[in-house]
Amino acid sequence: MDRPRIDEILPRADGSRYALVMIAAKRARQINNYYHSLGEGTLGIEELTPPLVSTRSTNLLTIALEEIADGKLEYEKAE
């Protein structure tokens, strides 16, 4: 994976690599759940959000990182 570069998106997670990984992993799971619900022909009880960016990638983590790079996801630091 060469795009997006980690050093470009790290500031979106307050400079924390751990936070970046957690945000991307959670979003990749949400995208996975969305695709599975489409395959089953049902949408679950919770609101499932499709990918927020147009991409050629089929890798869920790459899609999540591209969403972060495009500013489609907001990160709020827990106090």
Protein backbone atom coordinates (compact mmCIF):
# COMPACT_ATOMS: atom_id res chain seq x y z
CA MET A 1 0.00 0.00 0.00
CA ASP A 2 1.57 3.25 -1.08
CA ARG A 3 -1.43 5.61 -0.89
CA PRO A 4 -2.35 7.17 1.39
CA ARG A 5 0.97 7.59 3.13
CA ILE A 6 0.93 7.16 6.90
CA ASP A 7 2.85 10.38 7.53
CA GLU A 8 0.14 12.27 5.61
CA ILE A 9 -2.79 10.91 7.62
CA LEU A 10 -1.17 10.66 11.04
CA PRO A 11 -2.09 14.26 11.98
CA ARG A 12 -5.78 13.36 11.51
CA ALA A 13 -5.43 11.06 14.54
CA ASP A 14 -3.64 13.60 16.72
CA GLY A 15 -0.28 12.10 15.74
CA SER A 16 -1.06 8.81 17.45
CA ARG A 17 -0.31 5.69 15.43
CA TYR A 18 -2.37 3.66 17.88
CA ALA A 19 -5.41 5.89 17.38
CA LEU A 20 -4.97 5.75 13.61
CA VAL A 21 -4.89 1.95 13.66
CA MET A 22 -7.96 1.78 15.90
CA ILE A 23 -9.95 4.21 13.72
CA ALA A 24 -9.04 2.42 10.49
CA ALA A 25 -9.72 -1.06 11.91
CA LYS A 26 -13.12 -0.05 13.27
CA ARG A 27 -14.12 1.56 9.97
CA ALA A 28 -12.89 -1.47 7.97
CA ARG A 29 -15.16 -3.69 10.14
CA GLN A 30 -18.10 -1.35 9.47
CA ILE A 31 -17.49 -1.53 5.71
CA ASN A 32 -17.21 -5.32 5.94
CA ASN A 33 -20.55 -5.48 7.77
CA TYR A 34 -22.12 -3.29 5.09
CA TYR A 35 -20.95 -5.59 2.28
CA HIS A 36 -22.12 -8.69 4.18
CA SER A 37 -25.56 -7.19 4.73
CA LEU A 38 -25.84 -6.54 0.99
CA GLY A 39 -24.92 -10.15 0.24
CA GLU A 40 -27.60 -11.40 2.62
CA GLY A 41 -30.18 -9.07 1.13
CA THR A 42 -30.96 -7.44 4.45
CA LEU A 43 -29.87 -4.34 6.24
CA GLY A 44 -29.35 -4.84 9.94
CA ILE A 45 -30.92 -2.94 12.80
CA GLU A 46 -28.02 -0.51 12.99
CA GLU A 47 -27.44 2.01 10.23
CA LEU A 48 -24.73 0.66 7.93
CA THR A 49 -22.71 3.21 5.99
CA PRO A 50 -21.25 2.30 2.60
CA PRO A 51 -17.69 3.33 1.71
CA LEU A 52 -17.43 7.12 1.68
CA VAL A 53 -14.85 7.31 -1.10
CA SER A 54 -14.73 6.07 -4.66
CA THR A 55 -11.79 3.72 -5.02
CA ARG A 56 -10.46 0.87 -7.11
CA SER A 57 -9.19 -0.93 -4.02
CA THR A 58 -10.99 -3.98 -2.68
CA ASN A 59 -8.95 -4.02 0.54
CA LEU A 60 -11.20 -2.83 3.37
CA LEU A 61 -8.35 -1.36 5.40
CA THR A 62 -7.10 0.61 2.40
CA ILE A 63 -10.61 1.96 1.83
CA ALA A 64 -10.78 3.02 5.49
CA LEU A 65 -7.39 4.75 5.29
CA GLU A 66 -8.46 6.56 2.11
CA GLU A 67 -11.57 7.79 3.93
CA ILE A 68 -9.36 9.12 6.72
CA ALA A 69 -7.02 10.79 4.21
CA ASP A 70 -9.99 12.49 2.50
CA GLY A 71 -11.26 13.81 5.83
CA LYS A 72 -14.47 11.76 5.67
CA LEU A 73 -14.02 10.42 9.22
CA GLU A 74 -13.82 12.53 12.35
CA TYR A 75 -11.72 11.56 15.35
CA GLU A 76 -12.54 12.81 18.82
CA LYS A 77 -10.02 12.17 21.54
CA ALA A 78 -11.60 10.56 24.59
CA GLU A 79 -10.99 12.54 27.74
